[in-house]
Amino acid sequence: MNSSFSSISSRSWFALLGFGCFALVAAGLGLQEILRLSPCPLCIFQRLLYLCIGGLAVLGLLWPAGQRLCLALIGALAVFGLAVAGYQSWMQAFPELANECSMSDPNLIEQLVDWLGVRWPYLFLATGFCASKEWVFLGLSMANWSLLMFSGIAGLAALLWITKKS
């Protein structure tokens, strides 16, 4: 294993992961406000996953004895996020083949997002369409970037799991 990776304490990695997830949510909110973007239900659900992963990272930072459990949950949420971001990326690549979010009976993700949007609209109100690419940076949509971020989180969780003793 790379000595520079293993020389950093696991608590530092948990702090970095928590900060990174909360920073991603803040950046998403900032872009949403500045560029007047309309987040879709899948975007909002990914935002929720980042908040949950960030919360678990803070829990792992504050509760070292529970770091293995936090890593397992973080890894599972990151893989779930990969699936959601991958599905949205597919929808954006092939909009003619995709059933648009909110165009039929709402699924469980859409129901949760609707429920959260009523309670905390600033964070969770979904007003956009999942197949639209309102924002592209370096040729990648926000869903594509989210796919990369969830990949990185899953990879970090796996590395921490492997290198964590006890």
C-alpha atoms as a PDB file:
ATOM      1  CA  MET A   1       0.000   0.000   0.000  1.00  0.00           C
ATOM      2  CA  ASN A   2       1.208   3.525  -0.723  1.00  0.00           C
ATOM      3  CA  SER A   3       3.016   4.790   2.356  1.00  0.00           C
ATOM      4  CA  SER A   4       1.703   8.366   1.946  1.00  0.00           C
ATOM      5  CA  PHE A   5      -1.898   7.083   2.040  1.00  0.00           C
ATOM      6  CA  SER A   6      -1.357   4.903   5.104  1.00  0.00           C
ATOM      7  CA  SER A   7       0.642   7.602   6.937  1.00  0.00           C
ATOM      8  CA  ILE A   8      -2.478   9.771   7.220  1.00  0.00           C
ATOM      9  CA  SER A   9      -4.709   8.804  10.133  1.00  0.00           C
ATOM     10  CA  SER A  10      -8.118   7.308   9.427  1.00  0.00           C
ATOM     11  CA  ARG A  11      -9.709  10.132  11.431  1.00  0.00           C
ATOM     12  CA  SER A  12      -8.142  12.624   9.002  1.00  0.00           C
ATOM     13  CA  TRP A  13      -9.580  10.690   6.054  1.00  0.00           C
ATOM     14  CA  PHE A  14     -13.019  10.699   7.691  1.00  0.00           C
ATOM     15  CA  ALA A  15     -12.744  14.466   8.264  1.00  0.00           C
ATOM     16  CA  LEU A  16     -11.704  15.017   4.648  1.00  0.00           C
ATOM     17  CA  LEU A  17     -14.536  12.844   3.360  1.00  0.00           C
ATOM     18  CA  GLY A  18     -17.133  14.614   5.501  1.00  0.00           C
ATOM     19  CA  PHE A  19     -15.867  18.041   4.469  1.00  0.00           C
ATOM     20  CA  GLY A  20     -15.744  16.968   0.819  1.00  0.00           C
ATOM     21  CA  CYS A  21     -19.327  15.697   0.792  1.00  0.00           C
ATOM     22  CA  PHE A  22     -20.670  18.821   2.474  1.00  0.00           C
ATOM     23  CA  ALA A  23     -18.618  20.958   0.049  1.00  0.00           C
ATOM     24  CA  LEU A  24     -20.161  19.087  -2.911  1.00  0.00           C
ATOM     25  CA  VAL A  25     -23.648  19.852  -1.590  1.00  0.00           C
ATOM     26  CA  ALA A  26     -22.708  23.508  -1.040  1.00  0.00           C
ATOM     27  CA  ALA A  27     -21.252  23.730  -4.561  1.00  0.00           C
ATOM     28  CA  GLY A  28     -24.409  22.188  -6.003  1.00  0.00           C
ATOM     29  CA  LEU A  29     -26.584  24.657  -4.115  1.00  0.00           C
ATOM     30  CA  GLY A  30     -24.357  27.525  -5.226  1.00  0.00           C
ATOM     31  CA  LEU A  31     -24.509  26.506  -8.881  1.00  0.00           C
ATOM     32  CA  GLN A  32     -28.254  26.034  -8.572  1.00  0.00           C
ATOM     33  CA  GLU A  33     -28.671  29.594  -7.281  1.00  0.00           C
ATOM     34  CA  ILE A  34     -26.140  31.360  -9.495  1.00  0.00           C
ATOM     35  CA  LEU A  35     -27.081  29.604 -12.747  1.00  0.00           C
ATOM     36  CA  ARG A  36     -30.783  29.177 -11.905  1.00  0.00           C
ATOM     37  CA  LEU A  37     -30.596  25.415 -12.396  1.00  0.00           C
ATOM     38  CA  SER A  38     -33.635  23.218 -11.812  1.00  0.00           C
ATOM     39  CA  PRO A  39     -32.578  20.047  -9.978  1.00  0.00           C
ATOM     40  CA  CYS A  40     -34.470  16.862 -10.814  1.00  0.00           C
ATOM     41  CA  PRO A  41     -35.565  14.151  -8.355  1.00  0.00           C
ATOM     42  CA  LEU A  42     -32.433  12.089  -9.060  1.00  0.00           C
ATOM     43  CA  CYS A  43     -30.218  15.159  -8.507  1.00  0.00           C
ATOM     44  CA  ILE A  44     -31.900  15.831  -5.183  1.00  0.00           C
ATOM     45  CA  PHE A  45     -31.585  12.180  -4.169  1.00  0.00           C
ATOM     46  CA  GLN A  46     -27.854  12.270  -4.936  1.00  0.00           C
ATOM     47  CA  ARG A  47     -27.632  15.416  -2.793  1.00  0.00           C
ATOM     48  CA  LEU A  48     -29.303  13.473   0.022  1.00  0.00           C
ATOM     49  CA  LEU A  49     -26.792  10.634  -0.402  1.00  0.00           C
ATOM     50  CA  TYR A  50     -23.877  13.096  -0.159  1.00  0.00           C
ATOM     51  CA  LEU A  51     -25.367  14.502   3.051  1.00  0.00           C
ATOM     52  CA  CYS A  52     -25.786  10.991   4.491  1.00  0.00           C
ATOM     53  CA  ILE A  53     -22.237   9.999   3.531  1.00  0.00           C
ATOM     54  CA  GLY A  54     -20.924  13.260   5.016  1.00  0.00           C
ATOM     55  CA  GLY A  55     -22.858  12.610   8.222  1.00  0.00           C
ATOM     56  CA  LEU A  56     -21.480   9.088   8.460  1.00  0.00           C
ATOM     57  CA  ALA A  57     -17.966  10.429   7.882  1.00  0.00           C
ATOM     58  CA  VAL A  58     -18.411  12.885  10.758  1.00  0.00           C
ATOM     59  CA  LEU A  59     -19.732  10.030  12.900  1.00  0.00           C
ATOM     60  CA  GLY A  60     -16.621   7.978  12.015  1.00  0.00           C
ATOM     61  CA  LEU A  61     -14.447  10.957  12.921  1.00  0.00           C
ATOM     62  CA  LEU A  62     -16.107  11.367  16.317  1.00  0.00           C
ATOM     63  CA  TRP A  63     -16.564   7.641  17.085  1.00  0.00           C
ATOM     64  CA  PRO A  64     -13.349   5.812  16.128  1.00  0.00           C
ATOM     65  CA  ALA A  65     -14.654   2.486  17.474  1.00  0.00           C
ATOM     66  CA  GLY A  66     -17.485   2.633  14.910  1.00  0.00           C
ATOM     67  CA  GLN A  67     -15.339   3.449  11.897  1.00  0.00           C
ATOM     68  CA  ARG A  68     -15.713  -0.029  10.334  1.00  0.00           C
ATOM     69  CA  LEU A  69     -19.498   0.233  10.502  1.00  0.00           C
ATOM     70  CA  CYS A  70     -19.388   3.768   9.090  1.00  0.00           C
ATOM     71  CA  LEU A  71     -17.104   2.609   6.263  1.00  0.00           C
ATOM     72  CA  ALA A  72     -19.473  -0.229   5.385  1.00  0.00           C
ATOM     73  CA  LEU A  73     -22.442   2.156   5.267  1.00  0.00           C
ATOM     74  CA  ILE A  74     -20.466   4.790   3.349  1.00  0.00           C
ATOM     75  CA  GLY A  75     -19.386   2.175   0.815  1.00  0.00           C
ATOM     76  CA  ALA A  76     -22.948   0.916   0.383  1.00  0.00           C
ATOM     77  CA  LEU A  77     -24.326   4.444  -0.058  1.00  0.00           C
ATOM     78  CA  ALA A  78     -21.548   5.297  -2.529  1.00  0.00           C
ATOM     79  CA  VAL A  79     -22.369   2.219  -4.622  1.00  0.00           C
ATOM     80  CA  PHE A  80     -26.051   3.177  -4.508  1.00  0.00           C
ATOM     81  CA  GLY A  81     -25.071   6.711  -5.550  1.00  0.00           C
ATOM     82  CA  LEU A  82     -23.036   5.250  -8.408  1.00  0.00           C
ATOM     83  CA  ALA A  83     -26.123   3.406  -9.615  1.00  0.00           C
ATOM     84  CA  VAL A  84     -28.343   6.500  -9.391  1.00  0.00           C
ATOM     85  CA  ALA A  85     -25.800   8.804 -11.070  1.00  0.00           C
ATOM     86  CA  GLY A  86     -25.102   6.124 -13.691  1.00  0.00           C
ATOM     87  CA  TYR A  87     -28.802   5.791 -14.453  1.00  0.00           C
ATOM     88  CA  GLN A  88     -29.179   9.555 -14.747  1.00  0.00           C
ATOM     89  CA  SER A  89     -26.098   9.730 -16.995  1.00  0.00           C
ATOM     90  CA  TRP A  90     -27.677   7.041 -19.187  1.00  0.00           C
ATOM     91  CA  MET A  91     -30.947   9.031 -19.265  1.00  0.00           C
ATOM     92  CA  GLN A  92     -29.030  12.109 -20.395  1.00  0.00           C
ATOM     93  CA  ALA A  93     -27.118  10.168 -23.052  1.00  0.00           C
ATOM     94  CA  PHE A  94     -30.248   8.482 -24.442  1.00  0.00           C
ATOM     95  CA  PRO A  95     -33.217  10.717 -23.559  1.00  0.00           C
ATOM     96  CA  GLU A  96     -35.379   9.132 -26.248  1.00  0.00           C
ATOM     97  CA  LEU A  97     -35.101   5.742 -24.499  1.00  0.00           C
ATOM     98  CA  ALA A  98     -35.601   6.961 -20.942  1.00  0.00           C
ATOM     99  CA  ASN A  99     -38.821   7.267 -18.996  1.00  0.00           C
ATOM    100  CA  GLU A 100     -38.560  10.770 -17.637  1.00  0.00           C
ATOM    101  CA  CYS A 101     -38.709  11.264 -13.881  1.00  0.00           C
ATOM    102  CA  SER A 102     -42.061  12.492 -12.640  1.00  0.00           C
ATOM    103  CA  MET A 103     -43.838  11.571 -15.872  1.00  0.00           C
ATOM    104  CA  SER A 104     -45.507   8.464 -14.422  1.00  0.00           C
ATOM    105  CA  ASP A 105     -46.438   7.200 -10.986  1.00  0.00           C
ATOM    106  CA  PRO A 106     -43.665   8.314  -8.641  1.00  0.00           C
ATOM    107  CA  ASN A 107     -41.218   5.644  -7.517  1.00  0.00           C
ATOM    108  CA  LEU A 108     -39.838   5.444  -3.959  1.00  0.00           C
ATOM    109  CA  ILE A 109     -36.984   7.856  -4.677  1.00  0.00           C
ATOM    110  CA  GLU A 110     -39.370  10.433  -6.130  1.00  0.00           C
ATOM    111  CA  GLN A 111     -41.778  10.014  -3.216  1.00  0.00           C
ATOM    112  CA  LEU A 112     -38.948  10.576  -0.709  1.00  0.00           C
ATOM    113  CA  VAL A 113     -37.694  13.612  -2.629  1.00  0.00           C
ATOM    114  CA  ASP A 114     -41.236  15.055  -2.798  1.00  0.00           C
ATOM    115  CA  TRP A 115     -41.663  14.522   0.953  1.00  0.00           C
ATOM    116  CA  LEU A 116     -38.317  16.195   1.710  1.00  0.00           C
ATOM    117  CA  GLY A 117     -39.030  18.999  -0.773  1.00  0.00           C
ATOM    118  CA  VAL A 118     -42.205  19.945   1.089  1.00  0.00           C
ATOM    119  CA  ARG A 119     -40.352  20.101   4.409  1.00  0.00           C
ATOM    120  CA  TRP A 120     -37.046  21.685   3.304  1.00  0.00           C
ATOM    121  CA  PRO A 121     -37.579  23.220  -0.139  1.00  0.00           C
ATOM    122  CA  TYR A 122     -34.270  25.095  -0.245  1.00  0.00           C
ATOM    123  CA  LEU A 123     -32.322  21.828  -0.065  1.00  0.00           C
ATOM    124  CA  PHE A 124     -34.664  19.255  -1.559  1.00  0.00           C
ATOM    125  CA  LEU A 125     -37.253  20.803  -3.921  1.00  0.00           C
ATOM    126  CA  ALA A 126     -37.051  19.048  -7.299  1.00  0.00           C
ATOM    127  CA  THR A 127     -38.230  21.170 -10.228  1.00  0.00           C
ATOM    128  CA  GLY A 128     -36.261  19.832 -13.197  1.00  0.00           C
ATOM    129  CA  PHE A 129     -36.173  16.893 -15.563  1.00  0.00           C
ATOM    130  CA  CYS A 130     -33.707  14.035 -15.128  1.00  0.00           C
ATOM    131  CA  ALA A 131     -32.752  13.713 -18.810  1.00  0.00           C
ATOM    132  CA  SER A 132     -31.875  17.392 -19.281  1.00  0.00           C
ATOM    133  CA  LYS A 133     -28.284  18.596 -19.101  1.00  0.00           C
ATOM    134  CA  GLU A 134     -28.597  22.121 -17.765  1.00  0.00           C
ATOM    135  CA  TRP A 135     -24.948  22.383 -16.736  1.00  0.00           C
ATOM    136  CA  VAL A 136     -21.905  20.931 -18.493  1.00  0.00           C
ATOM    137  CA  PHE A 137     -18.287  21.445 -17.440  1.00  0.00           C
ATOM    138  CA  LEU A 138     -15.366  19.967 -19.378  1.00  0.00           C
ATOM    139  CA  GLY A 139     -17.852  17.971 -21.439  1.00  0.00           C
ATOM    140  CA  LEU A 140     -19.451  16.286 -18.412  1.00  0.00           C
ATOM    141  CA  SER A 141     -22.907  16.923 -16.995  1.00  0.00           C
ATOM    142  CA  MET A 142     -23.529  17.234 -13.277  1.00  0.00           C
ATOM    143  CA  ALA A 143     -24.725  13.598 -13.257  1.00  0.00           C
ATOM    144  CA  ASN A 144     -21.436  12.550 -14.902  1.00  0.00           C
ATOM    145  CA  TRP A 145     -19.439  14.468 -12.297  1.00  0.00           C
ATOM    146  CA  SER A 146     -21.526  12.884  -9.558  1.00  0.00           C
ATOM    147  CA  LEU A 147     -20.730   9.461 -11.017  1.00  0.00           C
ATOM    148  CA  LEU A 148     -17.022  10.282 -10.697  1.00  0.00           C
ATOM    149  CA  MET A 149     -17.460  11.591  -7.137  1.00  0.00           C
ATOM    150  CA  PHE A 150     -19.350   8.503  -5.982  1.00  0.00           C
ATOM    151  CA  SER A 151     -16.643   6.353  -7.607  1.00  0.00           C
ATOM    152  CA  GLY A 152     -14.001   8.219  -5.642  1.00  0.00           C
ATOM    153  CA  ILE A 153     -15.952   7.875  -2.394  1.00  0.00           C
ATOM    154  CA  ALA A 154     -16.439   4.131  -2.959  1.00  0.00           C
ATOM    155  CA  GLY A 155     -12.731   3.759  -3.744  1.00  0.00           C
ATOM    156  CA  LEU A 156     -11.715   5.700  -0.644  1.00  0.00           C
ATOM    157  CA  ALA A 157     -14.060   3.631   1.524  1.00  0.00           C
ATOM    158  CA  ALA A 158     -12.557   0.424   0.090  1.00  0.00           C
ATOM    159  CA  LEU A 159      -8.993   1.635   0.692  1.00  0.00           C
ATOM    160  CA  LEU A 160      -9.802   2.685   4.254  1.00  0.00           C
ATOM    161  CA  TRP A 161     -11.496  -0.672   4.869  1.00  0.00           C
ATOM    162  CA  ILE A 162      -8.413  -2.543   3.642  1.00  0.00           C
ATOM    163  CA  THR A 163      -5.920  -0.415   5.583  1.00  0.00           C
ATOM    164  CA  LYS A 164      -7.981  -0.045   8.791  1.00  0.00           C
ATOM    165  CA  LYS A 165      -6.778  -2.277  11.566  1.00  0.00           C
ATOM    166  CA  SER A 166      -9.301  -3.932  13.915  1.00  0.00           C
END
